[in-house]
Amino acid sequence: MTIKLAQRDRQPEFMDQPGLDRDEHARALAGLRRINFISGTSASLLAPIENWQAKEKPSPCRFLNLPAAAVIPQSILHYMPGVGD
């Protein structure tokens, strides 16, 4: 399969559809959390974030999360006790 980067195939995200059932949306977010947990996505981001925080000492530390419906930042906060309180 060849991917042509010059041509974008922009499809609307299922989870961004107007009128999406709330229960269906909640199930989809739970699925994303499971996938991120199993794959270690959030945990793999923790060390670089902690290293950056130690070096830069931002106050407060803020995340801009566009593609993951806040699942990854929420998961990262789970690994960082006392943060976000």
Protein backbone atom coordinates (compact mmCIF):
# COMPACT_ATOMS: atom_id res chain seq x y z
CA MET A 1 0.00 0.00 0.00
CA THR A 2 1.42 3.36 -1.02
CA ILE A 3 0.61 6.42 1.03
CA LYS A 4 0.56 9.66 -0.93
CA LEU A 5 1.38 12.42 1.50
CA ALA A 6 0.62 15.14 -1.04
CA GLN A 7 -3.02 14.04 -1.05
CA ARG A 8 -4.90 14.29 2.20
CA ASP A 9 -7.90 12.11 2.84
CA ARG A 10 -9.66 14.08 5.52
CA GLN A 11 -12.38 12.01 7.15
CA PRO A 12 -14.44 13.33 10.04
CA GLU A 13 -13.66 11.68 13.37
CA PHE A 14 -16.39 9.37 14.57
CA MET A 15 -16.16 10.78 18.08
CA ASP A 16 -16.63 14.33 16.81
CA GLN A 17 -19.93 13.61 15.09
CA PRO A 18 -22.83 15.81 16.19
CA GLY A 19 -25.54 13.81 17.88
CA LEU A 20 -23.24 10.97 18.91
CA ASP A 21 -24.89 8.95 21.67
CA ARG A 22 -23.33 9.80 25.05
CA ASP A 23 -23.08 6.15 26.10
CA GLU A 24 -21.43 5.23 22.81
CA HIS A 25 -18.98 8.12 23.26
CA ALA A 26 -18.18 7.00 26.82
CA ARG A 27 -17.55 3.43 25.59
CA ALA A 28 -15.24 4.73 22.86
CA LEU A 29 -13.24 6.80 25.39
CA ALA A 30 -12.99 3.76 27.67
CA GLY A 31 -11.65 1.80 24.71
CA LEU A 32 -9.03 4.48 24.04
CA ARG A 33 -7.98 4.37 27.69
CA ARG A 34 -7.56 0.58 27.49
CA ILE A 35 -5.53 0.82 24.28
CA ASN A 36 -3.30 3.54 25.75
CA PHE A 37 -2.81 1.52 28.94
CA ILE A 38 -1.94 -1.70 27.10
CA SER A 39 0.38 0.08 24.66
CA GLY A 40 2.03 2.13 27.39
CA THR A 41 1.45 5.36 25.45
CA SER A 42 0.83 7.56 28.48
CA ALA A 43 3.53 5.94 30.59
CA SER A 44 6.08 6.42 27.79
CA LEU A 45 5.41 10.17 27.84
CA LEU A 46 5.85 10.48 31.59
CA ALA A 47 9.69 10.50 31.82
CA PRO A 48 10.17 13.18 29.13
CA ILE A 49 7.53 15.35 30.79
CA GLU A 50 9.08 14.92 34.23
CA ASN A 51 12.56 15.69 32.83
CA TRP A 52 11.25 18.82 31.13
CA GLN A 53 9.47 19.89 34.33
CA ALA A 54 12.63 19.40 36.39
CA LYS A 55 14.65 21.49 33.94
CA GLU A 56 12.17 24.27 33.10
CA LYS A 57 10.13 24.36 36.33
CA PRO A 58 6.96 25.63 34.65
CA SER A 59 4.25 26.75 36.98
CA PRO A 60 1.70 25.58 36.15
CA CYS A 61 2.51 22.83 33.64
CA ARG A 62 -0.16 22.83 30.93
CA PHE A 63 -1.03 20.35 28.20
CA LEU A 64 -2.61 21.05 24.86
CA ASN A 65 -4.19 17.86 23.66
CA LEU A 66 -5.93 17.88 20.31
CA PRO A 67 -6.25 14.35 18.95
CA ALA A 68 -6.88 12.14 21.96
CA ALA A 69 -10.00 13.58 23.62
CA ALA A 70 -8.04 14.30 26.81
CA VAL A 71 -7.49 10.59 27.42
CA ILE A 72 -3.69 10.79 27.36
CA PRO A 73 -3.30 13.89 29.57
CA GLN A 74 -5.76 12.44 32.09
CA SER A 75 -3.82 9.20 32.07
CA ILE A 76 -0.51 11.02 32.56
CA LEU A 77 -1.95 12.83 35.57
CA HIS A 78 -2.80 9.40 37.00
CA TYR A 79 0.94 8.61 37.03
CA MET A 80 1.86 11.96 38.64
CA PRO A 81 0.50 11.99 42.21
CA GLY A 82 -0.28 15.45 43.54
CA VAL A 83 -0.39 17.02 40.08
CA GLY A 84 -3.68 18.51 39.01
CA ASP A 85 -5.06 18.67 42.56
